[in-house]
PDB file of all heavy atoms in Angstrom:
ATOM      1  N   LEU A   1       0.822  -1.208   0.000  1.00  0.00           N
ATOM      2  CA  LEU A   1       0.000   0.000   0.000  1.00  0.00           C
ATOM      3  C   LEU A   1       0.860   1.264   0.000  1.00  0.00           C
ATOM      4  O   LEU A   1       0.515   2.264  -0.621  1.00  0.00           O
ATOM      5  CB  LEU A   1      -0.912   0.001   1.236  1.00  0.00           C
ATOM      6  CG  LEU A   1      -2.064   1.009   1.259  1.00  0.00           C
ATOM      7  CD1 LEU A   1      -3.156   0.585   0.285  1.00  0.00           C
ATOM      8  CD2 LEU A   1      -2.634   1.128   2.669  1.00  0.00           C
ATOM      9  N   LEU A   2       2.007   1.216   0.689  1.00  0.00           N
ATOM     10  CA  LEU A   2       2.852   2.398   0.860  1.00  0.00           C
ATOM     11  C   LEU A   2       4.025   2.462  -0.109  1.00  0.00           C
ATOM     12  O   LEU A   2       4.924   3.284   0.071  1.00  0.00           O
ATOM     13  CB  LEU A   2       3.374   2.453   2.299  1.00  0.00           C
ATOM     14  CG  LEU A   2       2.309   2.568   3.399  1.00  0.00           C
ATOM     15  CD1 LEU A   2       2.956   2.715   4.769  1.00  0.00           C
ATOM     16  CD2 LEU A   2       1.368   3.734   3.140  1.00  0.00           C
ATOM     17  N   LEU A   3       4.038   1.611  -1.124  1.00  0.00           N
ATOM     18  CA  LEU A   3       5.063   1.741  -2.157  1.00  0.00           C
ATOM     19  C   LEU A   3       4.959   3.135  -2.771  1.00  0.00           C
ATOM     20  O   LEU A   3       3.901   3.531  -3.247  1.00  0.00           O
ATOM     21  CB  LEU A   3       4.856   0.680  -3.246  1.00  0.00           C
ATOM     22  CG  LEU A   3       5.774   0.771  -4.470  1.00  0.00           C
ATOM     23  CD1 LEU A   3       7.241   0.609  -4.064  1.00  0.00           C
ATOM     24  CD2 LEU A   3       5.380  -0.286  -5.499  1.00  0.00           C
ATOM     25  N   PRO A   4       6.052   3.921  -2.749  1.00  0.00           N
ATOM     26  CA  PRO A   4       5.978   5.309  -3.232  1.00  0.00           C
ATOM     27  C   PRO A   4       5.486   5.420  -4.668  1.00  0.00           C
ATOM     28  O   PRO A   4       5.643   4.499  -5.474  1.00  0.00           O
ATOM     29  CB  PRO A   4       7.437   5.786  -3.114  1.00  0.00           C
ATOM     30  CG  PRO A   4       8.015   4.939  -2.039  1.00  0.00           C
ATOM     31  CD  PRO A   4       7.375   3.590  -2.191  1.00  0.00           C
ATOM     32  N   GLU A   5       4.916   6.569  -4.971  1.00  0.00           N
ATOM     33  CA  GLU A   5       4.435   6.857  -6.325  1.00  0.00           C
ATOM     34  C   GLU A   5       5.567   7.439  -7.171  1.00  0.00           C
ATOM     35  O   GLU A   5       6.645   7.781  -6.668  1.00  0.00           O
ATOM     36  CB  GLU A   5       3.285   7.874  -6.258  1.00  0.00           C
ATOM     37  CG  GLU A   5       2.051   7.379  -5.521  1.00  0.00           C
ATOM     38  CD  GLU A   5       1.235   6.403  -6.341  1.00  0.00           C
ATOM     39  OE1 GLU A   5       1.574   6.172  -7.519  1.00  0.00           O
ATOM     40  OE2 GLU A   5       0.253   5.865  -5.796  1.00  0.00           O
ATOM     41  N   ASN A   6       5.311   7.551  -8.476  1.00  0.00           N
ATOM     42  CA  ASN A   6       6.196   8.245  -9.422  1.00  0.00           C
ATOM     43  C   ASN A   6       7.616   7.702  -9.422  1.00  0.00           C
ATOM     44  O   ASN A   6       8.597   8.455  -9.448  1.00  0.00           O
ATOM     45  CB  ASN A   6       6.213   9.747  -9.125  1.00  0.00           C
ATOM     46  CG  ASN A   6       4.836  10.368  -9.197  1.00  0.00           C
ATOM     47  OD1 ASN A   6       4.069  10.098 -10.128  1.00  0.00           O
ATOM     48  ND2 ASN A   6       4.500  11.186  -8.211  1.00  0.00           N
ATOM     49  N   LEU A   7       7.736   6.388  -9.423  1.00  0.00           N
ATOM     50  CA  LEU A   7       9.062   5.772  -9.400  1.00  0.00           C
ATOM     51  C   LEU A   7       9.813   5.942 -10.718  1.00  0.00           C
ATOM     52  O   LEU A   7      11.038   5.807 -10.747  1.00  0.00           O
ATOM     53  CB  LEU A   7       8.926   4.285  -9.065  1.00  0.00           C
ATOM     54  CG  LEU A   7       8.437   3.967  -7.648  1.00  0.00           C
ATOM     55  CD1 LEU A   7       8.170   2.478  -7.504  1.00  0.00           C
ATOM     56  CD2 LEU A   7       9.446   4.433  -6.606  1.00  0.00           C
ATOM     57  N   LEU A   8       9.090   6.236 -11.797  1.00  0.00           N
ATOM     58  CA  LEU A   8       9.734   6.387 -13.102  1.00  0.00           C
ATOM     59  C   LEU A   8      10.188   7.812 -13.390  1.00  0.00           C
ATOM     60  O   LEU A   8      10.829   8.072 -14.409  1.00  0.00           O
ATOM     61  CB  LEU A   8       8.778   5.936 -14.220  1.00  0.00           C
ATOM     62  CG  LEU A   8       8.426   4.441 -14.230  1.00  0.00           C
ATOM     63  CD1 LEU A   8       7.381   4.152 -15.301  1.00  0.00           C
ATOM     64  CD2 LEU A   8       9.669   3.588 -14.468  1.00  0.00           C
ATOM     65  N   ARG A   9       9.885   8.737 -12.486  1.00  0.00           N
ATOM     66  CA  ARG A   9      10.241  10.132 -12.732  1.00  0.00           C
ATOM     67  C   ARG A   9      11.733  10.364 -12.509  1.00  0.00           C
ATOM     68  O   ARG A   9      12.406   9.630 -11.782  1.00  0.00           O
ATOM     69  CB  ARG A   9       9.447  11.054 -11.813  1.00  0.00           C
ATOM     70  CG  ARG A   9       9.832  10.933 -10.349  1.00  0.00           C
ATOM     71  CD  ARG A   9       9.079  11.913  -9.469  1.00  0.00           C
ATOM     72  NE  ARG A   9       9.412  11.699  -8.066  1.00  0.00           N
ATOM     73  CZ  ARG A   9      10.468  12.224  -7.449  1.00  0.00           C
ATOM     74  NH1 ARG A   9      11.292  13.008  -8.144  1.00  0.00           N
ATOM     75  NH2 ARG A   9      10.713  11.979  -6.186  1.00  0.00           N
ATOM     76  N   GLU A  10      12.237  11.410 -13.131  1.00  0.00           N
ATOM     77  CA  GLU A  10      13.612  11.816 -12.875  1.00  0.00           C
ATOM     78  C   GLU A  10      13.727  12.302 -11.430  1.00  0.00           C
ATOM     79  O   GLU A  10      12.901  13.068 -10.955  1.00  0.00           O
ATOM     80  CB  GLU A  10      14.014  12.952 -13.829  1.00  0.00           C
ATOM     81  CG  GLU A  10      15.458  13.392 -13.683  1.00  0.00           C
ATOM     82  CD  GLU A  10      15.839  14.478 -14.653  1.00  0.00           C
ATOM     83  OE1 GLU A  10      15.020  14.778 -15.563  1.00  0.00           O
ATOM     84  OE2 GLU A  10      16.931  15.051 -14.516  1.00  0.00           O
ATOM     85  N   GLY A  11      14.727  11.830 -10.735  1.00  0.00           N
ATOM     86  CA  GLY A  11      14.909  12.219  -9.346  1.00  0.00           C
ATOM     87  C   GLY A  11      14.258  11.278  -8.355  1.00  0.00           C
ATOM     88  O   GLY A  11      14.345  11.504  -7.143  1.00  0.00           O
ATOM     89  N   SER A  12      13.617  10.208  -8.836  1.00  0.00           N
ATOM     90  CA  SER A  12      13.020   9.237  -7.916  1.00  0.00           C
ATOM     91  C   SER A  12      14.124   8.462  -7.208  1.00  0.00           C
ATOM     92  O   SER A  12      15.298   8.482  -7.619  1.00  0.00           O
ATOM     93  CB  SER A  12      12.108   8.263  -8.663  1.00  0.00           C
ATOM     94  OG  SER A  12      12.877   7.335  -9.412  1.00  0.00           O
ATOM     95  N   VAL A  13      13.769   7.744  -6.168  1.00  0.00           N
ATOM     96  CA  VAL A  13      14.764   7.005  -5.405  1.00  0.00           C
ATOM     97  C   VAL A  13      15.424   5.923  -6.260  1.00  0.00           C
ATOM     98  O   VAL A  13      16.604   5.590  -6.052  1.00  0.00           O
ATOM     99  CB  VAL A  13      14.111   6.396  -4.135  1.00  0.00           C
ATOM    100  CG1 VAL A  13      13.156   5.261  -4.484  1.00  0.00           C
ATOM    101  CG2 VAL A  13      15.164   5.942  -3.142  1.00  0.00           C
ATOM    102  N   ILE A  14      14.712   5.402  -7.243  1.00  0.00           N
ATOM    103  CA  ILE A  14      15.296   4.405  -8.143  1.00  0.00           C
ATOM    104  C   ILE A  14      16.183   5.067  -9.184  1.00  0.00           C
ATOM    105  O   ILE A  14      17.312   4.624  -9.440  1.00  0.00           O
ATOM    106  CB  ILE A  14      14.181   3.578  -8.827  1.00  0.00           C
ATOM    107  CG1 ILE A  14      13.474   2.705  -7.787  1.00  0.00           C
ATOM    108  CG2 ILE A  14      14.763   2.703  -9.929  1.00  0.00           C
ATOM    109  CD1 ILE A  14      12.296   1.926  -8.340  1.00  0.00           C
ATOM    110  N   GLU A  15      15.697   6.153  -9.791  1.00  0.00           N
ATOM    111  CA  GLU A  15      16.490   6.842 -10.823  1.00  0.00           C
ATOM    112  C   GLU A  15      17.816   7.329 -10.266  1.00  0.00           C
ATOM    113  O   GLU A  15      18.864   7.203 -10.904  1.00  0.00           O
ATOM    114  CB  GLU A  15      15.679   8.015 -11.389  1.00  0.00           C
ATOM    115  CG  GLU A  15      16.296   8.663 -12.617  1.00  0.00           C
ATOM    116  CD  GLU A  15      17.249   9.813 -12.289  1.00  0.00           C
ATOM    117  OE1 GLU A  15      17.203  10.313 -11.151  1.00  0.00           O
ATOM    118  OE2 GLU A  15      18.016  10.231 -13.179  1.00  0.00           O
ATOM    119  N   ARG A  16      17.815   7.854  -9.042  1.00  0.00           N
ATOM    120  CA  ARG A  16      19.048   8.360  -8.464  1.00  0.00           C
ATOM    121  C   ARG A  16      19.998   7.229  -8.073  1.00  0.00           C
ATOM    122  O   ARG A  16      21.214   7.380  -8.136  1.00  0.00           O
ATOM    123  CB  ARG A  16      18.745   9.239  -7.260  1.00  0.00           C
ATOM    124  CG  ARG A  16      18.055  10.542  -7.651  1.00  0.00           C
ATOM    125  CD  ARG A  16      18.046  11.562  -6.542  1.00  0.00           C
ATOM    126  NE  ARG A  16      19.384  12.062  -6.244  1.00  0.00           N
ATOM    127  CZ  ARG A  16      19.649  13.047  -5.391  1.00  0.00           C
ATOM    128  NH1 ARG A  16      18.647  13.640  -4.740  1.00  0.00           N
ATOM    129  NH2 ARG A  16      20.868  13.441  -5.162  1.00  0.00           N
ATOM    130  N   MET A  17      19.466   6.092  -7.684  1.00  0.00           N
ATOM    131  CA  MET A  17      20.320   4.939  -7.402  1.00  0.00           C
ATOM    132  C   MET A  17      21.067   4.511  -8.663  1.00  0.00           C
ATOM    133  O   MET A  17      22.264   4.212  -8.622  1.00  0.00           O
ATOM    134  CB  MET A  17      19.485   3.780  -6.872  1.00  0.00           C
ATOM    135  CG  MET A  17      20.300   2.521  -6.599  1.00  0.00           C
ATOM    136  SD  MET A  17      19.375   1.232  -5.714  1.00  0.00           S
ATOM    137  CE  MET A  17      18.061   0.906  -6.871  1.00  0.00           C
ATOM    138  N   VAL A  18      20.358   4.532  -9.793  1.00  0.00           N
ATOM    139  CA  VAL A  18      20.955   4.124 -11.061  1.00  0.00           C
ATOM    140  C   VAL A  18      21.996   5.134 -11.539  1.00  0.00           C
ATOM    141  O   VAL A  18      23.071   4.755 -12.024  1.00  0.00           O
ATOM    142  CB  VAL A  18      19.856   3.939 -12.131  1.00  0.00           C
ATOM    143  CG1 VAL A  18      20.466   3.782 -13.517  1.00  0.00           C
ATOM    144  CG2 VAL A  18      18.978   2.745 -11.785  1.00  0.00           C
ATOM    145  N   THR A  19      21.694   6.430 -11.389  1.00  0.00           N
ATOM    146  CA  THR A  19      22.565   7.455 -11.948  1.00  0.00           C
ATOM    147  C   THR A  19      23.700   7.887 -11.013  1.00  0.00           C
ATOM    148  O   THR A  19      24.767   8.273 -11.484  1.00  0.00           O
ATOM    149  CB  THR A  19      21.748   8.706 -12.340  1.00  0.00           C
ATOM    150  OG1 THR A  19      21.016   9.183 -11.193  1.00  0.00           O
ATOM    151  CG2 THR A  19      20.761   8.372 -13.450  1.00  0.00           C
ATOM    152  N   LEU A  20      23.487   7.813  -9.701  1.00  0.00           N
ATOM    153  CA  LEU A  20      24.518   8.287  -8.770  1.00  0.00           C
ATOM    154  C   LEU A  20      25.598   7.242  -8.491  1.00  0.00           C
ATOM    155  O   LEU A  20      26.762   7.593  -8.276  1.00  0.00           O
ATOM    156  CB  LEU A  20      23.880   8.704  -7.434  1.00  0.00           C
ATOM    157  CG  LEU A  20      23.141  10.045  -7.407  1.00  0.00           C
ATOM    158  CD1 LEU A  20      22.554  10.291  -6.014  1.00  0.00           C
ATOM    159  CD2 LEU A  20      24.064  11.196  -7.770  1.00  0.00           C
ATOM    160  N   ILE A  21      25.215   5.969  -8.486  1.00  0.00           N
ATOM    161  CA  ILE A  21      26.178   4.918  -8.170  1.00  0.00           C
ATOM    162  C   ILE A  21      26.567   4.197  -9.466  1.00  0.00           C
ATOM    163  O   ILE A  21      25.716   3.590 -10.114  1.00  0.00           O
ATOM    164  CB  ILE A  21      25.585   3.908  -7.170  1.00  0.00           C
ATOM    165  CG1 ILE A  21      25.113   4.631  -5.898  1.00  0.00           C
ATOM    166  CG2 ILE A  21      26.614   2.839  -6.826  1.00  0.00           C
ATOM    167  CD1 ILE A  21      24.418   3.731  -4.898  1.00  0.00           C
ATOM    168  N   PRO A  22      27.832   4.263  -9.858  1.00  0.00           N
ATOM    169  CA  PRO A  22      28.258   3.622 -11.109  1.00  0.00           C
ATOM    170  C   PRO A  22      27.917   2.138 -11.131  1.00  0.00           C
ATOM    171  O   PRO A  22      28.023   1.456 -10.105  1.00  0.00           O
ATOM    172  CB  PRO A  22      29.784   3.836 -11.097  1.00  0.00           C
ATOM    173  CG  PRO A  22      30.009   5.019 -10.213  1.00  0.00           C
ATOM    174  CD  PRO A  22      28.951   4.927  -9.152  1.00  0.00           C
ATOM    175  N   GLU A  23      27.520   1.655 -12.296  1.00  0.00           N
ATOM    176  CA  GLU A  23      27.119   0.253 -12.395  1.00  0.00           C
ATOM    177  C   GLU A  23      28.254  -0.689 -12.020  1.00  0.00           C
ATOM    178  O   GLU A  23      28.017  -1.747 -11.418  1.00  0.00           O
ATOM    179  CB  GLU A  23      26.620  -0.056 -13.813  1.00  0.00           C
ATOM    180  CG  GLU A  23      26.147  -1.488 -13.976  1.00  0.00           C
ATOM    181  CD  GLU A  23      25.225  -1.699 -15.156  1.00  0.00           C
ATOM    182  OE1 GLU A  23      24.354  -0.840 -15.388  1.00  0.00           O
ATOM    183  OE2 GLU A  23      25.370  -2.734 -15.833  1.00  0.00           O
ATOM    184  N   GLU A  24      29.491  -0.313 -12.336  1.00  0.00           N
ATOM    185  CA  GLU A  24      30.608  -1.201 -12.024  1.00  0.00           C
ATOM    186  C   GLU A  24      30.781  -1.414 -10.513  1.00  0.00           C
ATOM    187  O   GLU A  24      31.366  -2.404 -10.080  1.00  0.00           O
ATOM    188  CB  GLU A  24      31.922  -0.669 -12.614  1.00  0.00           C
ATOM    189  CG  GLU A  24      32.286   0.743 -12.223  1.00  0.00           C
ATOM    190  CD  GLU A  24      31.800   1.780 -13.232  1.00  0.00           C
ATOM    191  OE1 GLU A  24      30.809   1.511 -13.937  1.00  0.00           O
ATOM    192  OE2 GLU A  24      32.437   2.854 -13.302  1.00  0.00           O
ATOM    193  N   ASP A  25      30.256  -0.479  -9.713  1.00  0.00           N
ATOM    194  CA  ASP A  25      30.346  -0.649  -8.268  1.00  0.00           C
ATOM    195  C   ASP A  25      29.441  -1.775  -7.761  1.00  0.00           C
ATOM    196  O   ASP A  25      29.605  -2.251  -6.634  1.00  0.00           O
ATOM    197  CB  ASP A  25      29.973   0.651  -7.541  1.00  0.00           C
ATOM    198  CG  ASP A  25      31.089   1.687  -7.592  1.00  0.00           C
ATOM    199  OD1 ASP A  25      32.159   1.376  -8.171  1.00  0.00           O
ATOM    200  OD2 ASP A  25      30.900   2.795  -7.068  1.00  0.00           O
ATOM    201  N   TRP A  26      28.482  -2.183  -8.592  1.00  0.00           N
ATOM    202  CA  TRP A  26      27.578  -3.275  -8.221  1.00  0.00           C
ATOM    203  C   TRP A  26      28.072  -4.617  -8.752  1.00  0.00           C
ATOM    204  O   TRP A  26      27.601  -5.662  -8.300  1.00  0.00           O
ATOM    205  CB  TRP A  26      26.183  -3.033  -8.794  1.00  0.00           C
ATOM    206  CG  TRP A  26      25.484  -1.812  -8.306  1.00  0.00           C
ATOM    207  CD1 TRP A  26      25.548  -0.559  -8.833  1.00  0.00           C
ATOM    208  CD2 TRP A  26      24.585  -1.721  -7.194  1.00  0.00           C
ATOM    209  NE1 TRP A  26      24.748   0.311  -8.124  1.00  0.00           N
ATOM    210  CE2 TRP A  26      24.140  -0.385  -7.107  1.00  0.00           C
ATOM    211  CE3 TRP A  26      24.095  -2.643  -6.263  1.00  0.00           C
ATOM    212  CZ2 TRP A  26      23.245   0.058  -6.138  1.00  0.00           C
ATOM    213  CZ3 TRP A  26      23.210  -2.218  -5.293  1.00  0.00           C
ATOM    214  CH2 TRP A  26      22.792  -0.874  -5.229  1.00  0.00           C
ATOM    215  N   THR A  27      28.989  -4.602  -9.705  1.00  0.00           N
ATOM    216  CA  THR A  27      29.400  -5.819 -10.385  1.00  0.00           C
ATOM    217  C   THR A  27      30.293  -6.677  -9.495  1.00  0.00           C
ATOM    218  O   THR A  27      31.430  -6.304  -9.198  1.00  0.00           O
ATOM    219  CB  THR A  27      30.138  -5.493 -11.696  1.00  0.00           C
ATOM    220  OG1 THR A  27      29.328  -4.617 -12.490  1.00  0.00           O
ATOM    221  CG2 THR A  27      30.427  -6.747 -12.483  1.00  0.00           C
ATOM    222  N   ASN A  28      29.766  -7.818  -9.074  1.00  0.00           N
ATOM    223  CA  ASN A  28      30.508  -8.740  -8.205  1.00  0.00           C
ATOM    224  C   ASN A  28      31.079  -8.036  -6.980  1.00  0.00           C
ATOM    225  O   ASN A  28      32.165  -8.352  -6.504  1.00  0.00           O
ATOM    226  CB  ASN A  28      31.641  -9.419  -8.993  1.00  0.00           C
ATOM    227  CG  ASN A  28      31.111 -10.293 -10.107  1.00  0.00           C
ATOM    228  OD1 ASN A  28      30.120 -10.990  -9.936  1.00  0.00           O
ATOM    229  ND2 ASN A  28      31.758 -10.249 -11.260  1.00  0.00           N
ATOM    230  N   GLN A  29      30.350  -7.039  -6.476  1.00  0.00           N
ATOM    231  CA  GLN A  29      30.793  -6.276  -5.313  1.00  0.00           C
ATOM    232  C   GLN A  29      29.715  -6.359  -4.240  1.00  0.00           C
ATOM    233  O   GLN A  29      29.001  -5.395  -3.981  1.00  0.00           O
ATOM    234  CB  GLN A  29      31.029  -4.805  -5.700  1.00  0.00           C
ATOM    235  CG  GLN A  29      32.194  -4.581  -6.640  1.00  0.00           C
ATOM    236  CD  GLN A  29      33.494  -4.350  -5.877  1.00  0.00           C
ATOM    237  OE1 GLN A  29      33.576  -4.635  -4.690  1.00  0.00           O
ATOM    238  NE2 GLN A  29      34.485  -3.838  -6.555  1.00  0.00           N
ATOM    239  N   VAL A  30      29.603  -7.524  -3.610  1.00  0.00           N
ATOM    240  CA  VAL A  30      28.547  -7.709  -2.616  1.00  0.00           C
ATOM    241  C   VAL A  30      28.738  -6.765  -1.428  1.00  0.00           C
ATOM    242  O   VAL A  30      27.794  -6.458  -0.702  1.00  0.00           O
ATOM    243  CB  VAL A  30      28.498  -9.179  -2.146  1.00  0.00           C
ATOM    244  CG1 VAL A  30      29.686  -9.515  -1.268  1.00  0.00           C
ATOM    245  CG2 VAL A  30      27.188  -9.487  -1.436  1.00  0.00           C
ATOM    246  N   GLN A  31      29.970  -6.247  -1.254  1.00  0.00           N
ATOM    247  CA  GLN A  31      30.213  -5.299  -0.162  1.00  0.00           C
ATOM    248  C   GLN A  31      29.346  -4.053  -0.264  1.00  0.00           C
ATOM    249  O   GLN A  31      29.059  -3.410   0.742  1.00  0.00           O
ATOM    250  CB  GLN A  31      31.678  -4.859  -0.168  1.00  0.00           C
ATOM    251  CG  GLN A  31      32.670  -5.934   0.217  1.00  0.00           C
ATOM    252  CD  GLN A  31      34.068  -5.358   0.297  1.00  0.00           C
ATOM    253  OE1 GLN A  31      34.409  -4.666   1.246  1.00  0.00           O
ATOM    254  NE2 GLN A  31      34.876  -5.636  -0.710  1.00  0.00           N
ATOM    255  N   ILE A  32      28.948  -3.705  -1.481  1.00  0.00           N
ATOM    256  CA  ILE A  32      28.171  -2.477  -1.661  1.00  0.00           C
ATOM    257  C   ILE A  32      26.870  -2.531  -0.856  1.00  0.00           C
ATOM    258  O   ILE A  32      26.397  -1.498  -0.360  1.00  0.00           O
ATOM    259  CB  ILE A  32      27.868  -2.219  -3.154  1.00  0.00           C
ATOM    260  CG1 ILE A  32      27.340  -0.783  -3.339  1.00  0.00           C
ATOM    261  CG2 ILE A  32      26.914  -3.243  -3.731  1.00  0.00           C
ATOM    262  CD1 ILE A  32      27.179  -0.378  -4.793  1.00  0.00           C
ATOM    263  N   ILE A  33      26.296  -3.715  -0.700  1.00  0.00           N
ATOM    264  CA  ILE A  33      25.067  -3.848   0.082  1.00  0.00           C
ATOM    265  C   ILE A  33      25.323  -3.442   1.530  1.00  0.00           C
ATOM    266  O   ILE A  33      24.539  -2.695   2.132  1.00  0.00           O
ATOM    267  CB  ILE A  33      24.537  -5.294   0.024  1.00  0.00           C
ATOM    268  CG1 ILE A  33      24.299  -5.736  -1.433  1.00  0.00           C
ATOM    269  CG2 ILE A  33      23.269  -5.429   0.843  1.00  0.00           C
ATOM    270  CD1 ILE A  33      23.205  -4.991  -2.139  1.00  0.00           C
ATOM    271  N   GLY A  34      26.426  -3.900   2.086  1.00  0.00           N
ATOM    272  CA  GLY A  34      26.761  -3.548   3.463  1.00  0.00           C
ATOM    273  C   GLY A  34      26.992  -2.065   3.649  1.00  0.00           C
ATOM    274  O   GLY A  34      26.524  -1.469   4.628  1.00  0.00           O
ATOM    275  N   TRP A  35      27.713  -1.455   2.716  1.00  0.00           N
ATOM    276  CA  TRP A  35      27.958  -0.009   2.823  1.00  0.00           C
ATOM    277  C   TRP A  35      26.672   0.784   2.686  1.00  0.00           C
ATOM    278  O   TRP A  35      26.458   1.781   3.389  1.00  0.00           O
ATOM    279  CB  TRP A  35      28.968   0.441   1.766  1.00  0.00           C
ATOM    280  CG  TRP A  35      30.372   0.010   2.055  1.00  0.00           C
ATOM    281  CD1 TRP A  35      31.168  -0.800   1.295  1.00  0.00           C
ATOM    282  CD2 TRP A  35      31.159   0.369   3.205  1.00  0.00           C
ATOM    283  NE1 TRP A  35      32.382  -0.978   1.907  1.00  0.00           N
ATOM    284  CE2 TRP A  35      32.417  -0.270   3.077  1.00  0.00           C
ATOM    285  CE3 TRP A  35      30.921   1.157   4.339  1.00  0.00           C
ATOM    286  CZ2 TRP A  35      33.425  -0.134   4.028  1.00  0.00           C
ATOM    287  CZ3 TRP A  35      31.933   1.290   5.295  1.00  0.00           C
ATOM    288  CH2 TRP A  35      33.161   0.653   5.125  1.00  0.00           C
ATOM    289  N   LEU A  36      25.797   0.363   1.793  1.00  0.00           N
ATOM    290  CA  LEU A  36      24.516   1.046   1.638  1.00  0.00           C
ATOM    291  C   LEU A  36      23.711   0.993   2.931  1.00  0.00           C
ATOM    292  O   LEU A  36      23.143   2.002   3.364  1.00  0.00           O
ATOM    293  CB  LEU A  36      23.715   0.425   0.488  1.00  0.00           C
ATOM    294  CG  LEU A  36      24.119   0.852  -0.921  1.00  0.00           C
ATOM    295  CD1 LEU A  36      23.581  -0.131  -1.958  1.00  0.00           C
ATOM    296  CD2 LEU A  36      23.625   2.259  -1.222  1.00  0.00           C
ATOM    297  N   TYR A  37      23.647  -0.174   3.564  1.00  0.00           N
ATOM    298  CA  TYR A  37      22.899  -0.305   4.815  1.00  0.00           C
ATOM    299  C   TYR A  37      23.502   0.568   5.907  1.00  0.00           C
ATOM    300  O   TYR A  37      22.785   1.224   6.666  1.00  0.00           O
ATOM    301  CB  TYR A  37      22.888  -1.767   5.278  1.00  0.00           C
ATOM    302  CG  TYR A  37      22.061  -2.695   4.420  1.00  0.00           C
ATOM    303  CD1 TYR A  37      22.126  -4.076   4.578  1.00  0.00           C
ATOM    304  CD2 TYR A  37      21.205  -2.208   3.430  1.00  0.00           C
ATOM    305  CE1 TYR A  37      21.373  -4.939   3.788  1.00  0.00           C
ATOM    306  CE2 TYR A  37      20.457  -3.052   2.650  1.00  0.00           C
ATOM    307  CZ  TYR A  37      20.538  -4.419   2.824  1.00  0.00           C
ATOM    308  OH  TYR A  37      19.792  -5.267   2.046  1.00  0.00           O
ATOM    309  N   GLN A  38      24.843   0.559   6.007  1.00  0.00           N
ATOM    310  CA  GLN A  38      25.477   1.343   7.069  1.00  0.00           C
ATOM    311  C   GLN A  38      25.239   2.835   6.868  1.00  0.00           C
ATOM    312  O   GLN A  38      24.902   3.543   7.818  1.00  0.00           O
ATOM    313  CB  GLN A  38      26.972   1.064   7.123  1.00  0.00           C
ATOM    314  CG  GLN A  38      27.686   1.917   8.171  1.00  0.00           C
ATOM    315  CD  GLN A  38      28.957   1.283   8.684  1.00  0.00           C
ATOM    316  OE1 GLN A  38      29.027   0.078   8.870  1.00  0.00           O
ATOM    317  NE2 GLN A  38      29.968   2.098   8.910  1.00  0.00           N
ATOM    318  N   TYR A  39      25.392   3.312   5.643  1.00  0.00           N
ATOM    319  CA  TYR A  39      25.191   4.743   5.389  1.00  0.00           C
ATOM    320  C   TYR A  39      23.725   5.124   5.515  1.00  0.00           C
ATOM    321  O   TYR A  39      23.397   6.238   5.939  1.00  0.00           O
ATOM    322  CB  TYR A  39      25.722   5.116   4.000  1.00  0.00           C
ATOM    323  CG  TYR A  39      27.228   5.072   3.901  1.00  0.00           C
ATOM    324  CD1 TYR A  39      27.859   4.531   2.773  1.00  0.00           C
ATOM    325  CD2 TYR A  39      28.033   5.573   4.919  1.00  0.00           C
ATOM    326  CE1 TYR A  39      29.245   4.493   2.672  1.00  0.00           C
ATOM    327  CE2 TYR A  39      29.417   5.533   4.831  1.00  0.00           C
ATOM    328  CZ  TYR A  39      30.018   4.992   3.701  1.00  0.00           C
ATOM    329  OH  TYR A  39      31.385   4.953   3.609  1.00  0.00           O
ATOM    330  N   TYR A  40      22.834   4.214   5.145  1.00  0.00           N
ATOM    331  CA  TYR A  40      21.401   4.479   5.284  1.00  0.00           C
ATOM    332  C   TYR A  40      21.062   4.746   6.749  1.00  0.00           C
ATOM    333  O   TYR A  40      20.261   5.630   7.066  1.00  0.00           O
ATOM    334  CB  TYR A  40      20.611   3.276   4.765  1.00  0.00           C
ATOM    335  CG  TYR A  40      19.101   3.438   4.816  1.00  0.00           C
ATOM    336  CD1 TYR A  40      18.399   3.881   3.698  1.00  0.00           C
ATOM    337  CD2 TYR A  40      18.378   3.134   5.963  1.00  0.00           C
ATOM    338  CE1 TYR A  40      17.017   4.019   3.729  1.00  0.00           C
ATOM    339  CE2 TYR A  40      17.002   3.276   6.010  1.00  0.00           C
ATOM    340  CZ  TYR A  40      16.318   3.712   4.883  1.00  0.00           C
ATOM    341  OH  TYR A  40      14.955   3.855   4.934  1.00  0.00           O
TER     342      TYR A  40
END
């Protein structure tokens, strides 16, 4: 019910995840999950 609206818009939490964090940082880098949780 509380899934945010407008996820496809520029500046959404998904769009910024894709554009702010380089894709290569996700490639075989499971550590990124830990850093994301800690910074969150």
